[in-house]
N, C-alpha and C. Protein backbone atom coordinates (compact mmCIF):
# COMPACT_ATOMS: atom_id res chain seq x y z
N MET A 1 0.84 -1.20 0.00
CA MET A 1 0.00 0.00 0.00
C MET A 1 0.87 1.25 0.00
N GLY A 2 0.59 2.18 -0.90
CA GLY A 2 1.37 3.39 -1.00
C GLY A 2 0.71 4.55 -0.29
N SER A 3 1.30 5.74 -0.51
CA SER A 3 0.86 6.92 0.22
C SER A 3 -0.62 7.22 0.02
N LEU A 4 -1.09 7.13 -1.21
CA LEU A 4 -2.48 7.47 -1.49
C LEU A 4 -3.30 6.26 -1.94
N TYR A 5 -2.83 5.08 -1.61
CA TYR A 5 -3.64 3.89 -1.85
C TYR A 5 -4.58 3.76 -0.67
N LEU A 6 -5.78 4.25 -0.83
CA LEU A 6 -6.69 4.39 0.30
C LEU A 6 -7.96 3.56 0.10
N ASP A 7 -7.79 2.30 -0.15
CA ASP A 7 -8.89 1.37 -0.27
C ASP A 7 -9.44 1.10 1.13
N THR A 8 -10.63 1.59 1.41
CA THR A 8 -11.17 1.46 2.76
C THR A 8 -11.42 -0.01 3.13
N GLY A 9 -11.59 -0.86 2.12
CA GLY A 9 -11.72 -2.29 2.40
C GLY A 9 -10.43 -2.85 2.97
N GLU A 10 -9.29 -2.37 2.43
CA GLU A 10 -8.00 -2.79 2.96
C GLU A 10 -7.83 -2.32 4.40
N ARG A 11 -8.28 -1.10 4.68
CA ARG A 11 -8.17 -0.58 6.04
C ARG A 11 -9.03 -1.41 7.00
N ALA A 12 -10.24 -1.74 6.57
CA ALA A 12 -11.13 -2.55 7.42
C ALA A 12 -10.52 -3.92 7.69
N ALA A 13 -9.90 -4.51 6.67
CA ALA A 13 -9.27 -5.82 6.84
C ALA A 13 -8.08 -5.73 7.80
N LEU A 14 -7.29 -4.66 7.67
CA LEU A 14 -6.17 -4.46 8.59
C LEU A 14 -6.67 -4.32 10.02
N ALA A 15 -7.71 -3.51 10.21
CA ALA A 15 -8.26 -3.32 11.54
C ALA A 15 -8.74 -4.64 12.13
N GLN A 16 -9.39 -5.46 11.33
CA GLN A 16 -9.90 -6.73 11.83
C GLN A 16 -8.76 -7.67 12.21
N ARG A 17 -7.68 -7.67 11.42
CA ARG A 17 -6.53 -8.52 11.75
C ARG A 17 -5.90 -8.07 13.07
N ILE A 18 -5.86 -6.76 13.29
CA ILE A 18 -5.30 -6.26 14.54
C ILE A 18 -6.18 -6.70 15.72
N LEU A 19 -7.49 -6.54 15.58
CA LEU A 19 -8.40 -6.92 16.66
C LEU A 19 -8.24 -8.40 17.01
N THR A 20 -8.15 -9.23 16.00
CA THR A 20 -8.00 -10.67 16.22
C THR A 20 -6.69 -10.98 16.93
N ALA A 21 -5.61 -10.33 16.49
CA ALA A 21 -4.30 -10.56 17.10
C ALA A 21 -4.27 -10.11 18.56
N LEU A 22 -4.90 -8.99 18.84
CA LEU A 22 -4.91 -8.50 20.22
C LEU A 22 -5.63 -9.47 21.15
N GLU A 23 -6.81 -9.91 20.74
CA GLU A 23 -7.56 -10.82 21.60
C GLU A 23 -6.85 -12.16 21.76
N SER A 24 -6.15 -12.59 20.72
CA SER A 24 -5.39 -13.84 20.82
C SER A 24 -4.16 -13.65 21.71
N GLY A 25 -3.63 -12.44 21.73
CA GLY A 25 -2.40 -12.17 22.48
C GLY A 25 -2.59 -12.08 23.96
N ALA A 26 -3.83 -11.89 24.42
CA ALA A 26 -4.10 -11.80 25.86
C ALA A 26 -5.41 -12.53 26.14
N PRO A 27 -5.35 -13.76 26.63
CA PRO A 27 -6.58 -14.51 26.91
C PRO A 27 -7.50 -13.73 27.85
N GLY A 28 -8.78 -13.71 27.48
CA GLY A 28 -9.76 -13.01 28.29
C GLY A 28 -9.90 -11.54 27.95
N SER A 29 -9.11 -11.06 26.99
CA SER A 29 -9.20 -9.65 26.59
C SER A 29 -10.25 -9.46 25.51
N THR A 30 -10.67 -8.22 25.33
CA THR A 30 -11.59 -7.87 24.25
C THR A 30 -11.04 -6.66 23.51
N ALA A 31 -11.17 -6.67 22.21
CA ALA A 31 -10.68 -5.56 21.38
C ALA A 31 -11.80 -5.12 20.45
N GLN A 32 -11.93 -3.82 20.28
CA GLN A 32 -13.01 -3.31 19.44
C GLN A 32 -12.63 -2.00 18.78
N LEU A 33 -13.32 -1.71 17.68
CA LEU A 33 -13.18 -0.42 17.02
C LEU A 33 -13.81 0.66 17.86
N ARG A 34 -13.27 1.87 17.74
CA ARG A 34 -13.91 3.03 18.33
C ARG A 34 -13.71 4.20 17.37
N GLY A 35 -14.24 5.35 17.73
CA GLY A 35 -14.05 6.53 16.89
C GLY A 35 -14.85 6.47 15.60
N SER A 36 -14.33 7.12 14.56
CA SER A 36 -15.09 7.30 13.32
C SER A 36 -15.39 5.99 12.61
N LEU A 37 -14.47 5.02 12.68
CA LEU A 37 -14.73 3.74 12.02
C LEU A 37 -15.88 3.01 12.70
N ALA A 38 -15.91 3.04 14.02
CA ALA A 38 -16.98 2.36 14.75
C ALA A 38 -18.32 3.05 14.55
N GLU A 39 -18.27 4.37 14.36
CA GLU A 39 -19.51 5.16 14.27
C GLU A 39 -20.00 5.34 12.83
N GLY A 40 -19.29 4.77 11.88
CA GLY A 40 -19.71 4.84 10.49
C GLY A 40 -19.56 6.20 9.84
N ARG A 41 -18.68 7.03 10.36
CA ARG A 41 -18.50 8.37 9.78
C ARG A 41 -17.08 8.58 9.26
N ALA A 42 -16.35 7.49 9.03
CA ALA A 42 -14.97 7.59 8.56
C ALA A 42 -14.93 7.96 7.08
N ASP A 43 -13.87 8.64 6.68
CA ASP A 43 -13.59 8.85 5.27
C ASP A 43 -12.29 8.12 4.95
N PRO A 44 -11.83 8.14 3.70
CA PRO A 44 -10.62 7.37 3.36
C PRO A 44 -9.37 7.78 4.14
N TYR A 45 -9.37 8.98 4.70
CA TYR A 45 -8.19 9.47 5.41
C TYR A 45 -8.21 9.14 6.90
N SER A 46 -9.30 8.59 7.39
CA SER A 46 -9.44 8.35 8.82
C SER A 46 -8.44 7.30 9.31
N ASP A 47 -7.93 7.53 10.51
CA ASP A 47 -7.04 6.55 11.10
C ASP A 47 -7.85 5.45 11.77
N ILE A 48 -7.16 4.54 12.45
CA ILE A 48 -7.79 3.37 13.05
C ILE A 48 -7.74 3.50 14.56
N ASP A 49 -8.88 3.76 15.18
CA ASP A 49 -8.95 3.90 16.63
C ASP A 49 -9.48 2.60 17.24
N LEU A 50 -8.73 2.08 18.21
CA LEU A 50 -9.08 0.80 18.82
C LEU A 50 -9.04 0.89 20.34
N LEU A 51 -9.83 0.04 20.96
CA LEU A 51 -9.84 -0.11 22.41
C LEU A 51 -9.57 -1.57 22.73
N TRP A 52 -8.56 -1.79 23.60
CA TRP A 52 -8.20 -3.15 24.02
C TRP A 52 -8.29 -3.21 25.54
N GLN A 53 -9.20 -4.03 26.05
CA GLN A 53 -9.37 -4.19 27.48
C GLN A 53 -8.87 -5.57 27.89
N VAL A 54 -7.93 -5.59 28.83
CA VAL A 54 -7.25 -6.83 29.20
C VAL A 54 -7.43 -7.11 30.68
N PRO A 55 -7.38 -8.38 31.08
CA PRO A 55 -7.44 -8.70 32.50
C PRO A 55 -6.32 -7.98 33.26
N ASP A 56 -6.62 -7.53 34.47
CA ASP A 56 -5.65 -6.77 35.24
C ASP A 56 -4.32 -7.50 35.41
N ASP A 57 -4.38 -8.82 35.65
CA ASP A 57 -3.14 -9.54 35.89
C ASP A 57 -2.31 -9.74 34.63
N LEU A 58 -2.88 -9.41 33.47
CA LEU A 58 -2.13 -9.51 32.21
C LEU A 58 -1.77 -8.14 31.63
N PHE A 59 -2.12 -7.09 32.34
CA PHE A 59 -1.94 -5.76 31.78
C PHE A 59 -0.48 -5.47 31.44
N GLN A 60 0.42 -5.63 32.40
CA GLN A 60 1.81 -5.28 32.16
C GLN A 60 2.43 -6.15 31.07
N ALA A 61 2.16 -7.44 31.10
CA ALA A 61 2.71 -8.34 30.09
C ALA A 61 2.15 -8.01 28.70
N SER A 62 0.89 -7.64 28.65
CA SER A 62 0.27 -7.29 27.36
C SER A 62 0.93 -6.07 26.76
N VAL A 63 1.21 -5.07 27.59
CA VAL A 63 1.89 -3.87 27.11
C VAL A 63 3.30 -4.21 26.64
N GLU A 64 4.01 -5.01 27.41
CA GLU A 64 5.39 -5.36 27.07
C GLU A 64 5.48 -6.16 25.77
N HIS A 65 4.48 -6.98 25.50
CA HIS A 65 4.51 -7.85 24.31
C HIS A 65 3.72 -7.28 23.14
N LEU A 66 3.26 -6.05 23.27
CA LEU A 66 2.39 -5.49 22.25
C LEU A 66 3.04 -5.44 20.88
N LYS A 67 4.29 -5.00 20.81
CA LYS A 67 4.93 -4.91 19.49
C LYS A 67 5.00 -6.27 18.82
N ALA A 68 5.34 -7.31 19.57
CA ALA A 68 5.40 -8.65 18.99
C ALA A 68 4.02 -9.10 18.50
N ILE A 69 3.00 -8.76 19.26
CA ILE A 69 1.63 -9.11 18.85
C ILE A 69 1.29 -8.42 17.53
N LEU A 70 1.61 -7.14 17.44
CA LEU A 70 1.27 -6.38 16.24
C LEU A 70 2.15 -6.76 15.05
N ASP A 71 3.40 -7.12 15.32
CA ASP A 71 4.28 -7.57 14.23
C ASP A 71 3.73 -8.82 13.56
N SER A 72 2.94 -9.60 14.29
CA SER A 72 2.35 -10.81 13.69
C SER A 72 1.27 -10.46 12.67
N VAL A 73 0.77 -9.23 12.74
CA VAL A 73 -0.23 -8.76 11.78
C VAL A 73 0.46 -8.22 10.54
N GLN A 74 1.44 -7.35 10.77
CA GLN A 74 2.19 -6.68 9.72
C GLN A 74 3.36 -6.00 10.43
N PRO A 75 4.55 -5.99 9.82
CA PRO A 75 5.69 -5.40 10.52
C PRO A 75 5.40 -3.97 10.99
N VAL A 76 5.76 -3.70 12.23
CA VAL A 76 5.53 -2.39 12.83
C VAL A 76 6.68 -1.45 12.47
N GLU A 77 6.34 -0.29 11.95
CA GLU A 77 7.35 0.72 11.63
C GLU A 77 7.70 1.54 12.86
N SER A 78 6.70 1.94 13.62
CA SER A 78 6.95 2.68 14.86
C SER A 78 5.82 2.40 15.84
N LEU A 79 6.20 2.39 17.12
CA LEU A 79 5.24 2.21 18.20
C LEU A 79 5.64 3.18 19.30
N ARG A 80 4.73 4.11 19.62
CA ARG A 80 5.01 5.15 20.60
C ARG A 80 3.92 5.14 21.68
N SER A 81 4.36 5.32 22.90
CA SER A 81 3.43 5.35 24.03
C SER A 81 3.26 6.80 24.48
N ALA A 82 2.02 7.26 24.53
CA ALA A 82 1.76 8.64 24.93
C ALA A 82 2.30 8.87 26.34
N PRO A 83 3.05 9.96 26.55
CA PRO A 83 3.69 10.17 27.85
C PRO A 83 2.73 10.32 29.01
N GLU A 84 1.49 10.73 28.75
CA GLU A 84 0.53 10.94 29.84
C GLU A 84 0.31 9.68 30.67
N PHE A 85 0.46 8.50 30.05
CA PHE A 85 0.11 7.26 30.75
C PHE A 85 1.24 6.23 30.75
N GLN A 86 2.46 6.64 30.46
CA GLN A 86 3.54 5.67 30.33
C GLN A 86 3.82 4.88 31.61
N ARG A 87 3.50 5.46 32.77
CA ARG A 87 3.75 4.78 34.04
C ARG A 87 2.46 4.42 34.76
N SER A 88 1.36 4.51 34.06
CA SER A 88 0.08 4.13 34.66
C SER A 88 0.06 2.63 34.92
N ASP A 89 -0.58 2.22 36.00
CA ASP A 89 -0.66 0.80 36.32
C ASP A 89 -1.77 0.08 35.57
N ARG A 90 -2.67 0.88 34.91
CA ARG A 90 -3.81 0.23 34.27
C ARG A 90 -4.20 0.83 32.92
N ARG A 91 -3.38 1.69 32.39
CA ARG A 91 -3.78 2.36 31.16
C ARG A 91 -2.57 2.72 30.30
N ARG A 92 -2.74 2.61 28.97
CA ARG A 92 -1.77 3.12 28.02
C ARG A 92 -2.53 3.69 26.81
N LEU A 93 -1.89 4.62 26.12
CA LEU A 93 -2.36 5.08 24.81
C LEU A 93 -1.17 4.91 23.86
N ILE A 94 -1.34 4.04 22.88
CA ILE A 94 -0.26 3.65 21.99
C ILE A 94 -0.57 4.12 20.57
N PHE A 95 0.45 4.68 19.91
CA PHE A 95 0.33 5.09 18.51
C PHE A 95 1.21 4.18 17.67
N VAL A 96 0.62 3.58 16.64
CA VAL A 96 1.32 2.57 15.85
C VAL A 96 1.24 2.92 14.36
N GLN A 97 2.37 2.79 13.70
CA GLN A 97 2.40 2.87 12.24
C GLN A 97 2.97 1.56 11.72
N PHE A 98 2.28 0.99 10.73
CA PHE A 98 2.73 -0.26 10.13
C PHE A 98 3.50 0.00 8.85
N GLU A 99 4.52 -0.80 8.63
CA GLU A 99 5.27 -0.71 7.39
C GLU A 99 4.34 -0.96 6.20
N GLY A 100 4.46 -0.12 5.19
CA GLY A 100 3.68 -0.32 3.97
C GLY A 100 2.27 0.21 4.01
N ALA A 101 1.79 0.62 5.18
CA ALA A 101 0.43 1.17 5.28
C ALA A 101 0.46 2.67 5.00
N PRO A 102 -0.61 3.23 4.43
CA PRO A 102 -0.65 4.67 4.23
C PRO A 102 -0.39 5.44 5.50
N LEU A 103 0.30 6.55 5.39
CA LEU A 103 0.62 7.36 6.55
C LEU A 103 -0.62 7.82 7.30
N PHE A 104 -1.72 7.98 6.59
CA PHE A 104 -2.96 8.43 7.24
C PHE A 104 -3.52 7.39 8.20
N TRP A 105 -3.19 6.13 7.98
CA TRP A 105 -3.84 5.04 8.72
C TRP A 105 -3.06 4.65 9.97
N ARG A 106 -2.68 5.62 10.76
CA ARG A 106 -2.06 5.34 12.04
C ARG A 106 -3.09 4.63 12.93
N VAL A 107 -2.59 3.75 13.77
CA VAL A 107 -3.45 3.08 14.75
C VAL A 107 -3.29 3.77 16.09
N ASP A 108 -4.40 4.24 16.65
CA ASP A 108 -4.42 4.81 18.00
C ASP A 108 -5.10 3.78 18.90
N LEU A 109 -4.32 3.19 19.77
CA LEU A 109 -4.79 2.06 20.57
C LEU A 109 -4.83 2.41 22.05
N ASP A 110 -6.03 2.46 22.61
CA ASP A 110 -6.19 2.62 24.05
C ASP A 110 -6.17 1.24 24.69
N VAL A 111 -5.30 1.08 25.68
CA VAL A 111 -5.20 -0.19 26.41
C VAL A 111 -5.64 0.06 27.85
N PHE A 112 -6.66 -0.64 28.28
CA PHE A 112 -7.19 -0.50 29.63
C PHE A 112 -7.20 -1.85 30.35
N ALA A 113 -6.90 -1.81 31.64
CA ALA A 113 -7.17 -2.99 32.47
C ALA A 113 -8.68 -3.08 32.69
N HIS A 114 -9.18 -4.29 32.82
CA HIS A 114 -10.63 -4.48 32.97
C HIS A 114 -11.21 -3.68 34.13
N SER A 115 -10.46 -3.57 35.21
CA SER A 115 -11.01 -3.00 36.43
C SER A 115 -11.37 -1.52 36.30
N ILE A 116 -10.79 -0.80 35.32
CA ILE A 116 -11.14 0.62 35.21
C ILE A 116 -12.31 0.85 34.25
N ARG A 117 -12.81 -0.24 33.68
CA ARG A 117 -14.06 -0.21 32.92
C ARG A 117 -14.09 0.87 31.83
N GLY A 118 -12.99 0.99 31.11
CA GLY A 118 -12.96 1.93 29.99
C GLY A 118 -13.07 3.38 30.39
N ASP A 119 -12.63 3.70 31.60
CA ASP A 119 -12.73 5.07 32.11
C ASP A 119 -11.62 5.94 31.49
N TYR A 120 -12.00 6.81 30.55
CA TYR A 120 -11.01 7.64 29.86
C TYR A 120 -10.45 8.75 30.74
N GLU A 121 -11.00 8.93 31.92
CA GLU A 121 -10.45 9.92 32.86
C GLU A 121 -9.41 9.30 33.79
N TYR A 122 -9.31 7.98 33.78
CA TYR A 122 -8.38 7.32 34.70
C TYR A 122 -6.95 7.78 34.45
N ASP A 123 -6.28 8.25 35.48
CA ASP A 123 -4.88 8.70 35.47
C ASP A 123 -4.62 9.91 34.59
N ARG A 124 -5.66 10.53 34.07
CA ARG A 124 -5.45 11.69 33.19
C ARG A 124 -4.74 12.83 33.93
N ARG A 125 -5.04 12.97 35.20
CA ARG A 125 -4.45 14.06 35.98
C ARG A 125 -3.43 13.56 37.01
N ASN A 126 -3.00 12.33 36.84
CA ASN A 126 -2.06 11.72 37.78
C ASN A 126 -0.63 11.94 37.28
N GLU A 127 0.09 12.86 37.92
CA GLU A 127 1.46 13.17 37.49
C GLU A 127 2.37 11.95 37.61
N ALA A 128 2.10 11.08 38.57
CA ALA A 128 2.94 9.90 38.74
C ALA A 128 2.81 8.92 37.58
N ALA A 129 1.74 9.05 36.79
CA ALA A 129 1.54 8.15 35.65
C ALA A 129 2.31 8.60 34.42
N ARG A 130 2.84 9.81 34.45
CA ARG A 130 3.50 10.37 33.28
C ARG A 130 4.92 9.84 33.11
N GLY A 131 5.34 9.75 31.84
CA GLY A 131 6.71 9.38 31.51
C GLY A 131 7.32 10.44 30.62
N ASP A 132 8.56 10.20 30.21
CA ASP A 132 9.24 11.21 29.38
C ASP A 132 9.87 10.62 28.12
N ASP A 133 9.47 9.41 27.75
CA ASP A 133 9.99 8.77 26.54
C ASP A 133 9.13 9.20 25.35
N TRP A 134 9.51 10.31 24.73
CA TRP A 134 8.68 10.89 23.68
C TRP A 134 9.56 11.69 22.72
N SER A 135 9.46 11.39 21.45
CA SER A 135 10.26 12.08 20.44
C SER A 135 9.50 13.30 19.93
N LEU A 136 10.04 14.48 20.17
CA LEU A 136 9.41 15.69 19.68
C LEU A 136 9.48 15.78 18.17
N THR A 137 10.56 15.29 17.58
CA THR A 137 10.66 15.34 16.11
C THR A 137 9.63 14.41 15.46
N HIS A 138 9.45 13.23 16.02
CA HIS A 138 8.44 12.32 15.47
C HIS A 138 7.05 12.94 15.63
N SER A 139 6.80 13.51 16.80
CA SER A 139 5.51 14.13 17.05
C SER A 139 5.23 15.26 16.05
N ALA A 140 6.26 16.07 15.76
CA ALA A 140 6.09 17.15 14.79
C ALA A 140 5.79 16.62 13.40
N LEU A 141 6.41 15.50 13.05
CA LEU A 141 6.12 14.90 11.74
C LEU A 141 4.68 14.38 11.68
N MET A 142 4.17 13.92 12.81
CA MET A 142 2.77 13.52 12.84
C MET A 142 1.85 14.72 12.59
N ASN A 143 2.27 15.89 13.07
CA ASN A 143 1.51 17.11 12.79
C ASN A 143 1.50 17.40 11.29
N ALA A 144 2.61 17.15 10.63
CA ALA A 144 2.68 17.37 9.18
C ALA A 144 1.70 16.45 8.45
N ILE A 145 1.65 15.20 8.86
CA ILE A 145 0.71 14.26 8.24
C ILE A 145 -0.72 14.69 8.51
N ALA A 146 -1.01 15.05 9.74
CA ALA A 146 -2.36 15.50 10.10
C ALA A 146 -2.74 16.75 9.32
N ALA A 147 -1.76 17.62 9.03
CA ALA A 147 -2.04 18.83 8.25
C ALA A 147 -2.41 18.48 6.82
N VAL A 148 -1.71 17.51 6.23
CA VAL A 148 -2.09 17.07 4.87
C VAL A 148 -3.52 16.54 4.88
N LYS A 149 -3.83 15.74 5.88
CA LYS A 149 -5.19 15.20 6.00
C LYS A 149 -6.21 16.33 6.11
N ALA A 150 -5.91 17.33 6.93
CA ALA A 150 -6.83 18.46 7.08
C ALA A 150 -7.01 19.22 5.78
N LEU A 151 -5.94 19.40 5.03
CA LEU A 151 -6.04 20.10 3.75
C LEU A 151 -6.89 19.30 2.76
N LEU A 152 -6.74 17.99 2.76
CA LEU A 152 -7.55 17.15 1.88
C LEU A 152 -9.03 17.21 2.26
N ARG A 153 -9.28 17.51 3.50
CA ARG A 153 -10.66 17.65 3.97
C ARG A 153 -11.15 19.09 3.90
N ASN A 154 -10.37 19.96 3.26
CA ASN A 154 -10.72 21.38 3.10
C ASN A 154 -10.84 22.09 4.44
N LYS A 155 -9.97 21.73 5.37
CA LYS A 155 -9.93 22.37 6.69
C LYS A 155 -8.61 23.13 6.80
N GLY A 156 -8.53 24.24 6.07
CA GLY A 156 -7.29 24.98 5.99
C GLY A 156 -6.82 25.56 7.31
N GLU A 157 -7.72 26.09 8.11
CA GLU A 157 -7.32 26.68 9.38
C GLU A 157 -6.80 25.61 10.34
N GLU A 158 -7.43 24.47 10.34
CA GLU A 158 -6.95 23.36 11.18
C GLU A 158 -5.54 22.96 10.75
N ALA A 159 -5.31 22.87 9.45
CA ALA A 159 -3.97 22.52 8.94
C ALA A 159 -2.94 23.55 9.39
N LYS A 160 -3.30 24.81 9.30
CA LYS A 160 -2.39 25.88 9.70
C LYS A 160 -1.99 25.75 11.16
N GLN A 161 -2.96 25.50 12.04
CA GLN A 161 -2.67 25.37 13.46
C GLN A 161 -1.82 24.14 13.76
N LEU A 162 -2.07 23.05 13.06
CA LEU A 162 -1.26 21.85 13.23
C LEU A 162 0.19 22.11 12.86
N LEU A 163 0.40 22.84 11.79
CA LEU A 163 1.76 23.14 11.35
C LEU A 163 2.46 24.10 12.30
N ILE A 164 1.74 25.08 12.78
CA ILE A 164 2.34 26.00 13.77
C ILE A 164 2.83 25.21 14.97
N ARG A 165 1.99 24.31 15.48
CA ARG A 165 2.39 23.50 16.64
C ARG A 165 3.56 22.59 16.30
N GLY A 166 3.59 22.10 15.06
CA GLY A 166 4.69 21.23 14.65
C GLY A 166 6.02 21.97 14.65
N PHE A 167 6.06 23.15 14.06
CA PHE A 167 7.30 23.93 14.05
C PHE A 167 7.70 24.32 15.46
N GLU A 168 6.75 24.74 16.26
CA GLU A 168 7.06 25.17 17.63
C GLU A 168 7.55 24.01 18.48
N ARG A 169 7.06 22.83 18.21
CA ARG A 169 7.44 21.65 19.00
C ARG A 169 8.94 21.37 18.91
N VAL A 170 9.53 21.72 17.76
CA VAL A 170 10.96 21.47 17.58
C VAL A 170 11.74 22.79 17.55
N ASP A 171 11.15 23.82 18.13
CA ASP A 171 11.81 25.12 18.29
C ASP A 171 12.25 25.74 16.97
N LEU A 172 11.40 25.63 15.97
CA LEU A 172 11.66 26.26 14.67
C LEU A 172 10.68 27.40 14.45
N ALA A 173 11.17 28.47 13.84
CA ALA A 173 10.29 29.57 13.48
C ALA A 173 9.33 29.11 12.39
N VAL A 174 8.11 29.58 12.47
CA VAL A 174 7.10 29.22 11.46
C VAL A 174 7.37 30.06 10.22
N PRO A 175 7.67 29.42 9.09
CA PRO A 175 8.02 30.18 7.89
C PRO A 175 6.82 30.86 7.26
N GLU A 176 7.08 31.94 6.57
CA GLU A 176 6.04 32.64 5.81
C GLU A 176 5.83 31.88 4.50
N ALA A 177 4.82 31.05 4.49
CA ALA A 177 4.54 30.21 3.31
C ALA A 177 3.14 29.65 3.45
N SER A 178 2.63 29.09 2.38
CA SER A 178 1.31 28.47 2.45
C SER A 178 1.39 27.20 3.27
N ALA A 179 0.25 26.74 3.75
CA ALA A 179 0.22 25.50 4.53
C ALA A 179 0.77 24.33 3.71
N GLN A 180 0.44 24.29 2.44
CA GLN A 180 0.96 23.22 1.59
C GLN A 180 2.48 23.24 1.56
N GLU A 181 3.06 24.41 1.40
CA GLU A 181 4.51 24.53 1.37
C GLU A 181 5.13 24.20 2.73
N GLN A 182 4.45 24.58 3.78
CA GLN A 182 4.98 24.36 5.12
C GLN A 182 5.09 22.88 5.46
N VAL A 183 4.21 22.06 4.90
CA VAL A 183 4.28 20.62 5.16
C VAL A 183 5.65 20.08 4.77
N ALA A 184 6.07 20.36 3.54
CA ALA A 184 7.36 19.87 3.06
C ALA A 184 8.50 20.53 3.82
N MET A 185 8.36 21.81 4.13
CA MET A 185 9.42 22.52 4.84
C MET A 185 9.64 21.94 6.24
N LEU A 186 8.56 21.60 6.92
CA LEU A 186 8.67 21.00 8.24
C LEU A 186 9.35 19.64 8.16
N ALA A 187 8.91 18.81 7.21
CA ALA A 187 9.51 17.47 7.07
C ALA A 187 10.99 17.57 6.73
N GLU A 188 11.35 18.44 5.83
CA GLU A 188 12.75 18.57 5.42
C GLU A 188 13.60 19.12 6.57
N SER A 189 13.06 20.03 7.35
CA SER A 189 13.80 20.59 8.48
C SER A 189 14.08 19.52 9.53
N ILE A 190 13.10 18.68 9.79
CA ILE A 190 13.28 17.63 10.79
C ILE A 190 14.26 16.57 10.31
N ALA A 191 14.21 16.26 9.02
CA ALA A 191 15.18 15.31 8.47
C ALA A 191 16.60 15.81 8.67
N ALA A 192 16.78 17.12 8.56
CA ALA A 192 18.11 17.72 8.72
C ALA A 192 18.57 17.71 10.18
N MET A 193 17.64 17.77 11.12
CA MET A 193 18.02 17.86 12.53
C MET A 193 18.04 16.51 13.24
N ASP A 194 17.35 15.49 12.70
CA ASP A 194 17.26 14.20 13.38
C ASP A 194 17.39 13.09 12.35
N SER A 195 18.56 12.49 12.28
CA SER A 195 18.82 11.47 11.26
C SER A 195 17.96 10.23 11.45
N THR A 196 17.45 9.99 12.67
CA THR A 196 16.62 8.82 12.90
C THR A 196 15.23 8.97 12.28
N LYS A 197 14.89 10.18 11.88
CA LYS A 197 13.56 10.43 11.31
C LYS A 197 13.62 10.71 9.80
N THR A 198 14.77 10.45 9.19
CA THR A 198 14.94 10.74 7.77
C THR A 198 13.95 9.95 6.92
N GLY A 199 13.79 8.67 7.22
CA GLY A 199 12.89 7.83 6.42
C GLY A 199 11.46 8.31 6.47
N LEU A 200 10.98 8.60 7.66
CA LEU A 200 9.60 9.08 7.81
C LEU A 200 9.44 10.44 7.15
N ALA A 201 10.41 11.31 7.34
CA ALA A 201 10.34 12.64 6.72
C ALA A 201 10.30 12.52 5.20
N ARG A 202 11.08 11.60 4.65
CA ARG A 202 11.09 11.41 3.20
C ARG A 202 9.72 10.93 2.71
N ARG A 203 9.10 10.04 3.47
CA ARG A 203 7.76 9.56 3.09
C ARG A 203 6.75 10.71 3.09
N ILE A 204 6.90 11.63 4.03
CA ILE A 204 5.98 12.77 4.08
C ILE A 204 6.20 13.70 2.89
N VAL A 205 7.45 13.91 2.53
CA VAL A 205 7.74 14.74 1.35
C VAL A 205 7.17 14.08 0.10
N GLU A 206 7.28 12.76 0.00
CA GLU A 206 6.70 12.05 -1.14
C GLU A 206 5.18 12.15 -1.14
N LEU A 207 4.57 12.04 0.05
CA LEU A 207 3.12 12.22 0.16
C LEU A 207 2.73 13.62 -0.28
N HIS A 208 3.47 14.60 0.16
CA HIS A 208 3.21 16.00 -0.21
C HIS A 208 3.26 16.16 -1.72
N ARG A 209 4.26 15.57 -2.34
CA ARG A 209 4.38 15.68 -3.79
C ARG A 209 3.22 14.98 -4.49
N GLU A 210 2.83 13.83 -3.97
CA GLU A 210 1.74 13.07 -4.58
C GLU A 210 0.40 13.81 -4.45
N VAL A 211 0.18 14.42 -3.30
CA VAL A 211 -1.09 15.10 -3.06
C VAL A 211 -1.16 16.44 -3.75
N PHE A 212 -0.08 17.21 -3.65
CA PHE A 212 -0.12 18.60 -4.11
C PHE A 212 0.65 18.85 -5.41
N GLY A 213 1.36 17.82 -5.89
CA GLY A 213 2.09 17.96 -7.15
C GLY A 213 3.23 18.94 -7.09
N GLN A 214 3.85 19.03 -5.90
CA GLN A 214 4.98 19.94 -5.72
C GLN A 214 6.21 19.16 -5.31
N GLY A 215 7.36 19.65 -5.73
CA GLY A 215 8.62 18.98 -5.39
C GLY A 215 9.15 19.42 -4.05
C-alpha cells in the first residue's frame, strides 16, 4: 500500500486482523473499534482507533509484548506510548504505524485494564503516571501528516494550526509560506536535525508531492 492507496476495504481488513491478534495475544481480553470507524463516519483518510481491554493480571505483560503481537499482523514501523500514561498501572495510549500502510492510517490504541471499565479519565491528571519517553521530532512529523489530511478535507485553518504547533514543537520559526509549502518545509527541516527520522520525513515529502504535485 502506498501513500495514497486508500482502499477502505483494505483498512477494514487491517483493523480486523489487529483486533483478532490483540484478543489472541491476551486470553480473556476484548478488542473493538472506536471513533469514526466504529460510528460509520470515517472517510478514506481516517485513522484506526481501537480499544483493548485486558485482564488486570495480564496488563503489564500485554503492554510489554504489544509490538510482537502487532508484528504478527504486519511489521511495525513505529510504536510510541503517549507520555501521559507511560507509568500508569492500568492504562496506556499507543500510537502505531505499520510498514507499507498509508501514513494516514495510524493506529491509536487505548489499552485499559478491565477494572477501570474503559474510564477515559483514569490517570489523566495523575502526574505519577506520566513518563518522558517521547520524540518531539516524530511528534512534529505527525503534525505534518495530520495537516495534509486536514487540507484534503478542506480544513485549511486546522492545517495551519497543526503546522504551527509542529514547528514550535521542535523550536523552529514558522516560515512565511502556504500551509501546503509548510508541510514539506517542516519534514525537510526535521530530516536535517534528526537522522533517525529521515525515512519518515522522506515519506511525508513524497506524500506532499503526490497530493499537491509539488517537489
